[in-house]
Protein backbone atom coordinates (compact mmCIF):
# COMPACT_ATOMS: atom_id res chain seq x y z
CA VAL A 1 181.05 121.48 98.41
CA MET A 2 181.35 121.12 102.23
CA ILE A 3 183.79 122.39 104.55
CA GLY A 4 183.75 120.31 107.72
CA ASP A 5 186.27 121.93 109.41
CA LYS A 6 184.00 124.28 111.33
CA THR A 7 187.90 127.06 111.84
CA TYR A 8 186.84 127.73 108.16
CA TRP A 9 182.51 128.92 108.05
CA GLY A 10 182.36 132.36 107.80
CA LYS A 11 185.24 132.71 106.29
CA GLY A 12 183.63 133.37 102.73
CA VAL A 13 185.73 130.31 101.87
CA LEU A 14 182.84 128.04 100.44
CA LEU A 15 181.76 130.98 98.11
CA GLU A 16 185.64 131.03 96.62
CA THR A 17 185.22 127.43 96.49
CA ARG A 18 182.52 127.98 94.50
CA SER A 19 183.46 130.95 92.43
CA ARG A 20 186.33 128.88 91.16
CA LEU A 21 183.97 125.81 89.94
CA LEU A 22 181.68 127.35 88.81
CA ASN A 23 184.54 129.39 86.25
CA TYR A 24 186.06 125.77 85.62
CA ALA A 25 183.00 124.36 84.56
CA PHE A 26 182.28 127.15 81.93
CA ASP A 27 185.24 127.60 80.57
CA LEU A 28 185.09 124.34 80.13
CA GLY A 29 181.68 124.85 78.30
CA CYS A 30 179.39 123.60 80.40
CA LYS A 31 175.94 125.14 80.13
CA LYS A 32 174.03 124.43 83.52
CA VAL A 33 175.48 123.70 86.92
CA GLU A 34 173.55 122.12 89.48
CA ALA A 35 173.61 121.71 93.06
CA SER A 36 171.23 121.53 96.71
CA CYS A 37 171.31 121.22 100.24
CA ASP A 38 169.33 120.58 103.12
CA SER A 39 166.50 122.81 103.98
CA ILE A 40 166.99 123.02 107.42
CA ASN A 41 170.91 124.48 106.41
CA ILE A 42 169.75 127.42 106.23
CA PRO A 43 174.06 129.61 106.04
CA ALA A 44 174.01 127.11 103.28
CA ILE A 45 170.85 128.45 101.82
CA TYR A 46 172.05 132.40 102.34
CA ASN A 47 175.24 131.06 100.53
CA PHE A 48 173.49 130.16 97.15
CA VAL A 49 171.23 133.86 97.19
CA LYS A 50 173.98 135.78 97.74
CA GLN A 51 175.86 134.25 94.48
CA GLY A 52 173.16 134.72 92.54
CA TRP A 53 171.60 130.82 92.28
CA THR A 54 168.33 130.13 91.09
CA LYS A 55 165.62 127.95 93.37
CA GLU A 56 164.46 124.69 91.21
CA GLY A 57 163.17 122.98 93.17
CA VAL A 58 162.42 121.44 96.71
CA CYS A 59 162.33 117.57 97.14
CA ARG A 60 159.42 117.06 99.57
CA GLU A 61 160.25 115.26 102.61
CA HIS A 62 164.05 113.68 100.65
CA ARG A 63 165.78 112.58 104.26
CA ILE A 64 165.06 111.92 108.05
CA VAL A 65 167.53 114.36 109.81
CA ASP A 66 167.31 113.27 113.48
CA ASN A 67 164.55 111.17 112.68
CA HIS A 68 162.62 114.39 111.19
CA PRO A 69 162.07 114.51 107.54
CA VAL A 70 163.92 117.66 105.49
CA ASP A 71 163.16 119.01 101.82
CA LEU A 72 166.07 118.98 99.71
CA ILE A 73 166.41 122.90 97.55
CA LEU A 74 167.43 122.10 94.76
CA PHE A 75 169.28 125.47 92.91
CA GLY A 76 170.90 126.06 89.24
CA MET A 77 173.79 128.28 88.07
CA LEU A 78 173.67 129.63 83.74
CA ASP A 79 176.78 130.03 82.00
CA TYR A 80 175.13 133.72 80.76
CA GLU A 81 174.23 134.41 84.84
CA TRP A 82 177.29 133.87 85.88
CA ASN A 83 179.51 135.63 83.18
CA ALA A 84 176.79 138.56 83.62
């Protein structure tokens, strides 16, 4: 989920959208949903943790941003964790 219009940032739109996507995926029978974000995206990391996602790993120096290597943080959510 990416929200490009900054007027929607910080208003809970991302958490609501992600909640709906997780509900839909798990209602379809998915057992796990995976997501990722750049390590420099502190608000995204905060939202993943706030929503109960588990940090599962790091792809070190996965991308170059402004001529600097940036890690990719991997998150996962299992169906029974979401439905708890």
